[in-house]
Amino acid sequence: MTFSFSHKIDALNRVLLPKELLAMLGWERGDTLSLRYDEEAGARVSLYLLAKYTEPTCFNCASVDIVITVDSKAVCGDCLKETLEKLQVSAG
């Protein structure tokens, strides 16, 4: 199958990918893409999916209601509140 489209580069140097193409490839907003330029292959530009975006979840309970991230660990509001309460009890 061949898919062809054309778009102008916008003022911020972006190119839009059609939603139909994204759906065909299974790519979603937030995914990380890799762009490769190969001069030896006739100045070919290739775009690859590098990593699927995954919504951050609480390291303790896996909730997606993230309030804070500490040292790359996400924490939800309930777990943060519970931890702060435990710290107050142990300090008192």
N, C-alpha and C. Protein backbone atom coordinates (compact mmCIF):
# COMPACT_ATOMS: atom_id res chain seq x y z
N MET A 1 0.84 -1.17 0.00
CA MET A 1 0.00 0.00 0.00
C MET A 1 0.89 1.24 0.00
N THR A 2 0.50 2.20 -0.74
CA THR A 2 1.22 3.47 -0.79
C THR A 2 0.32 4.57 -0.27
N PHE A 3 0.88 5.42 0.56
CA PHE A 3 0.13 6.53 1.13
C PHE A 3 0.92 7.79 0.83
N SER A 4 0.28 8.75 0.22
CA SER A 4 0.96 9.98 -0.15
C SER A 4 0.17 11.19 0.35
N PHE A 5 0.88 12.17 0.86
CA PHE A 5 0.23 13.41 1.29
C PHE A 5 1.25 14.54 1.17
N SER A 6 0.76 15.74 1.17
CA SER A 6 1.66 16.89 1.14
C SER A 6 1.13 17.96 2.08
N HIS A 7 2.04 18.52 2.85
CA HIS A 7 1.73 19.61 3.78
C HIS A 7 2.89 20.59 3.75
N LYS A 8 2.58 21.83 3.97
CA LYS A 8 3.63 22.85 4.09
C LYS A 8 4.22 22.79 5.49
N ILE A 9 5.48 23.15 5.59
CA ILE A 9 6.11 23.31 6.90
C ILE A 9 5.59 24.61 7.48
N ASP A 10 5.09 24.56 8.72
CA ASP A 10 4.50 25.77 9.31
C ASP A 10 5.56 26.70 9.87
N ALA A 11 5.12 27.80 10.47
CA ALA A 11 6.03 28.83 10.98
C ALA A 11 6.93 28.32 12.10
N LEU A 12 6.53 27.23 12.77
CA LEU A 12 7.35 26.66 13.84
C LEU A 12 8.13 25.44 13.35
N ASN A 13 8.25 25.30 12.02
CA ASN A 13 9.00 24.21 11.38
C ASN A 13 8.39 22.83 11.66
N ARG A 14 7.09 22.77 11.77
CA ARG A 14 6.40 21.50 12.01
C ARG A 14 5.73 21.02 10.73
N VAL A 15 5.60 19.71 10.64
CA VAL A 15 4.85 19.09 9.55
C VAL A 15 3.77 18.22 10.20
N LEU A 16 2.57 18.37 9.72
CA LEU A 16 1.45 17.60 10.25
C LEU A 16 1.40 16.22 9.62
N LEU A 17 1.16 15.20 10.43
CA LEU A 17 0.92 13.85 9.91
C LEU A 17 -0.58 13.61 9.94
N PRO A 18 -1.16 13.19 8.83
CA PRO A 18 -2.60 12.98 8.79
C PRO A 18 -3.07 11.93 9.80
N LYS A 19 -4.23 12.19 10.40
CA LYS A 19 -4.72 11.26 11.42
C LYS A 19 -4.98 9.87 10.84
N GLU A 20 -5.29 9.79 9.55
CA GLU A 20 -5.51 8.49 8.92
C GLU A 20 -4.20 7.67 8.90
N LEU A 21 -3.09 8.35 8.63
CA LEU A 21 -1.80 7.68 8.63
C LEU A 21 -1.42 7.24 10.03
N LEU A 22 -1.64 8.12 11.01
CA LEU A 22 -1.34 7.77 12.40
C LEU A 22 -2.16 6.57 12.85
N ALA A 23 -3.43 6.54 12.47
CA ALA A 23 -4.29 5.41 12.83
C ALA A 23 -3.80 4.12 12.18
N MET A 24 -3.39 4.20 10.90
CA MET A 24 -2.88 3.01 10.20
C MET A 24 -1.63 2.46 10.88
N LEU A 25 -0.79 3.36 11.38
CA LEU A 25 0.47 2.96 12.01
C LEU A 25 0.31 2.62 13.50
N GLY A 26 -0.83 3.01 14.07
CA GLY A 26 -1.04 2.78 15.50
C GLY A 26 -0.29 3.78 16.37
N TRP A 27 0.09 4.92 15.79
CA TRP A 27 0.79 5.96 16.54
C TRP A 27 -0.23 6.89 17.18
N GLU A 28 0.11 7.37 18.38
CA GLU A 28 -0.80 8.24 19.13
C GLU A 28 -0.07 9.47 19.64
N ARG A 29 -0.85 10.48 20.02
CA ARG A 29 -0.29 11.69 20.62
C ARG A 29 0.56 11.29 21.83
N GLY A 30 1.73 11.85 21.91
CA GLY A 30 2.62 11.57 23.03
C GLY A 30 3.68 10.52 22.73
N ASP A 31 3.50 9.73 21.65
CA ASP A 31 4.51 8.73 21.28
C ASP A 31 5.80 9.46 20.89
N THR A 32 6.93 8.78 21.05
CA THR A 32 8.22 9.34 20.68
C THR A 32 8.64 8.77 19.33
N LEU A 33 8.96 9.68 18.41
CA LEU A 33 9.36 9.27 17.07
C LEU A 33 10.84 9.57 16.84
N SER A 34 11.43 8.79 15.95
CA SER A 34 12.82 9.00 15.57
C SER A 34 12.84 9.34 14.08
N LEU A 35 13.57 10.38 13.74
CA LEU A 35 13.70 10.82 12.35
C LEU A 35 15.11 10.51 11.89
N ARG A 36 15.23 9.85 10.74
CA ARG A 36 16.55 9.48 10.24
C ARG A 36 16.73 10.04 8.83
N TYR A 37 17.86 10.67 8.62
CA TYR A 37 18.21 11.20 7.30
C TYR A 37 19.39 10.41 6.79
N ASP A 38 19.26 9.83 5.60
CA ASP A 38 20.31 9.01 5.01
C ASP A 38 20.69 9.59 3.66
N GLU A 39 21.79 10.32 3.63
CA GLU A 39 22.24 10.97 2.40
C GLU A 39 22.67 9.94 1.36
N GLU A 40 23.30 8.86 1.80
CA GLU A 40 23.79 7.83 0.88
C GLU A 40 22.66 7.07 0.20
N ALA A 41 21.49 7.09 0.78
CA ALA A 41 20.33 6.40 0.18
C ALA A 41 19.47 7.38 -0.60
N GLY A 42 20.10 8.36 -1.20
CA GLY A 42 19.35 9.31 -2.02
C GLY A 42 18.63 10.36 -1.21
N ALA A 43 19.24 10.78 -0.11
CA ALA A 43 18.65 11.80 0.78
C ALA A 43 17.30 11.35 1.31
N ARG A 44 17.20 10.10 1.68
CA ARG A 44 15.96 9.53 2.21
C ARG A 44 15.75 9.95 3.67
N VAL A 45 14.52 10.30 3.97
CA VAL A 45 14.14 10.62 5.34
C VAL A 45 13.17 9.55 5.81
N SER A 46 13.46 8.95 6.96
CA SER A 46 12.60 7.90 7.51
C SER A 46 12.13 8.32 8.89
N LEU A 47 10.92 7.95 9.22
CA LEU A 47 10.32 8.26 10.52
C LEU A 47 9.92 6.95 11.17
N TYR A 48 10.39 6.72 12.39
CA TYR A 48 10.13 5.47 13.10
C TYR A 48 9.52 5.76 14.46
N LEU A 49 8.70 4.82 14.93
CA LEU A 49 8.18 4.89 16.29
C LEU A 49 9.30 4.42 17.21
N LEU A 50 9.72 5.27 18.11
CA LEU A 50 10.80 4.94 19.02
C LEU A 50 10.24 4.37 20.33
N ALA A 51 9.19 4.98 20.84
CA ALA A 51 8.61 4.50 22.10
C ALA A 51 7.15 4.90 22.19
N LYS A 52 6.33 4.00 22.68
CA LYS A 52 4.92 4.28 22.90
C LYS A 52 4.79 5.11 24.17
N TYR A 53 3.94 6.11 24.10
CA TYR A 53 3.66 6.94 25.27
C TYR A 53 2.85 6.13 26.27
N THR A 54 3.26 6.15 27.50
CA THR A 54 2.46 5.53 28.56
C THR A 54 2.18 6.59 29.61
N GLU A 55 0.94 6.67 30.00
CA GLU A 55 0.54 7.67 30.99
C GLU A 55 1.24 7.37 32.32
N PRO A 56 1.80 8.39 32.98
CA PRO A 56 2.45 8.14 34.26
C PRO A 56 1.46 7.62 35.29
N THR A 57 1.90 6.68 36.08
CA THR A 57 1.06 6.12 37.14
C THR A 57 1.80 6.18 38.46
N CYS A 58 1.04 6.20 39.54
CA CYS A 58 1.60 6.24 40.88
C CYS A 58 2.46 4.98 41.11
N PHE A 59 3.67 5.18 41.62
CA PHE A 59 4.56 4.04 41.85
C PHE A 59 4.03 3.11 42.94
N ASN A 60 3.13 3.61 43.78
CA ASN A 60 2.62 2.83 44.91
C ASN A 60 1.32 2.09 44.58
N CYS A 61 0.38 2.77 43.91
CA CYS A 61 -0.94 2.16 43.69
C CYS A 61 -1.36 2.11 42.23
N ALA A 62 -0.56 2.64 41.32
CA ALA A 62 -0.81 2.66 39.88
C ALA A 62 -1.95 3.59 39.44
N SER A 63 -2.37 4.50 40.32
CA SER A 63 -3.37 5.49 39.95
C SER A 63 -2.79 6.44 38.91
N VAL A 64 -3.66 6.98 38.05
CA VAL A 64 -3.19 7.95 37.05
C VAL A 64 -3.45 9.39 37.50
N ASP A 65 -3.96 9.58 38.69
CA ASP A 65 -4.24 10.91 39.24
C ASP A 65 -2.97 11.44 39.91
N ILE A 66 -1.98 11.80 39.09
CA ILE A 66 -0.66 12.18 39.60
C ILE A 66 -0.66 13.62 40.09
N VAL A 67 -0.10 13.81 41.28
CA VAL A 67 -0.02 15.13 41.88
C VAL A 67 1.41 15.65 41.84
N ILE A 68 2.37 14.75 42.03
CA ILE A 68 3.77 15.17 42.11
C ILE A 68 4.66 14.05 41.58
N THR A 69 5.81 14.45 41.06
CA THR A 69 6.82 13.49 40.63
C THR A 69 8.11 13.81 41.36
N VAL A 70 8.67 12.80 42.03
CA VAL A 70 9.89 12.97 42.80
C VAL A 70 10.91 11.94 42.31
N ASP A 71 12.07 12.42 41.88
CA ASP A 71 13.12 11.53 41.36
C ASP A 71 12.55 10.54 40.34
N SER A 72 11.78 11.04 39.39
CA SER A 72 11.15 10.29 38.30
C SER A 72 10.13 9.26 38.77
N LYS A 73 9.68 9.35 40.02
CA LYS A 73 8.60 8.49 40.51
C LYS A 73 7.36 9.34 40.71
N ALA A 74 6.26 8.93 40.07
CA ALA A 74 5.01 9.67 40.16
C ALA A 74 4.25 9.23 41.41
N VAL A 75 3.57 10.19 42.06
CA VAL A 75 2.81 9.91 43.28
C VAL A 75 1.42 10.53 43.14
N CYS A 76 0.39 9.75 43.44
CA CYS A 76 -0.98 10.27 43.37
C CYS A 76 -1.32 11.02 44.66
N GLY A 77 -2.43 11.73 44.65
CA GLY A 77 -2.84 12.52 45.80
C GLY A 77 -3.10 11.70 47.04
N ASP A 78 -3.76 10.55 46.89
CA ASP A 78 -4.08 9.71 48.06
C ASP A 78 -2.81 9.17 48.72
N CYS A 79 -1.88 8.67 47.92
CA CYS A 79 -0.64 8.13 48.47
C CYS A 79 0.22 9.22 49.09
N LEU A 80 0.21 10.41 48.47
CA LEU A 80 0.96 11.53 49.03
C LEU A 80 0.39 11.92 50.38
N LYS A 81 -0.94 12.01 50.48
CA LYS A 81 -1.60 12.37 51.74
C LYS A 81 -1.30 11.33 52.82
N GLU A 82 -1.40 10.06 52.44
CA GLU A 82 -1.13 8.97 53.39
C GLU A 82 0.31 9.02 53.89
N THR A 83 1.24 9.28 53.01
CA THR A 83 2.65 9.35 53.38
C THR A 83 2.91 10.54 54.31
N LEU A 84 2.31 11.68 53.98
CA LEU A 84 2.49 12.86 54.83
C LEU A 84 1.89 12.64 56.22
N GLU A 85 0.75 11.96 56.29
CA GLU A 85 0.15 11.64 57.58
C GLU A 85 1.05 10.73 58.39
N LYS A 86 1.65 9.74 57.76
CA LYS A 86 2.57 8.82 58.46
C LYS A 86 3.81 9.57 58.94
N LEU A 87 4.29 10.51 58.14
CA LEU A 87 5.46 11.29 58.57
C LEU A 87 5.14 12.17 59.77
N GLN A 88 3.93 12.73 59.83
CA GLN A 88 3.53 13.56 60.96
C GLN A 88 3.40 12.73 62.23
N VAL A 89 2.86 11.51 62.11
CA VAL A 89 2.70 10.63 63.27
C VAL A 89 4.06 10.23 63.79
N SER A 90 4.98 9.86 62.91
CA SER A 90 6.30 9.41 63.36
C SER A 90 7.15 10.57 63.91
N ALA A 91 6.88 11.79 63.45
CA ALA A 91 7.62 12.95 63.94
C ALA A 91 7.07 13.45 65.26
N GLY A 92 5.82 13.14 65.55
CA GLY A 92 5.15 13.67 66.73
C GLY A 92 5.32 12.82 67.89
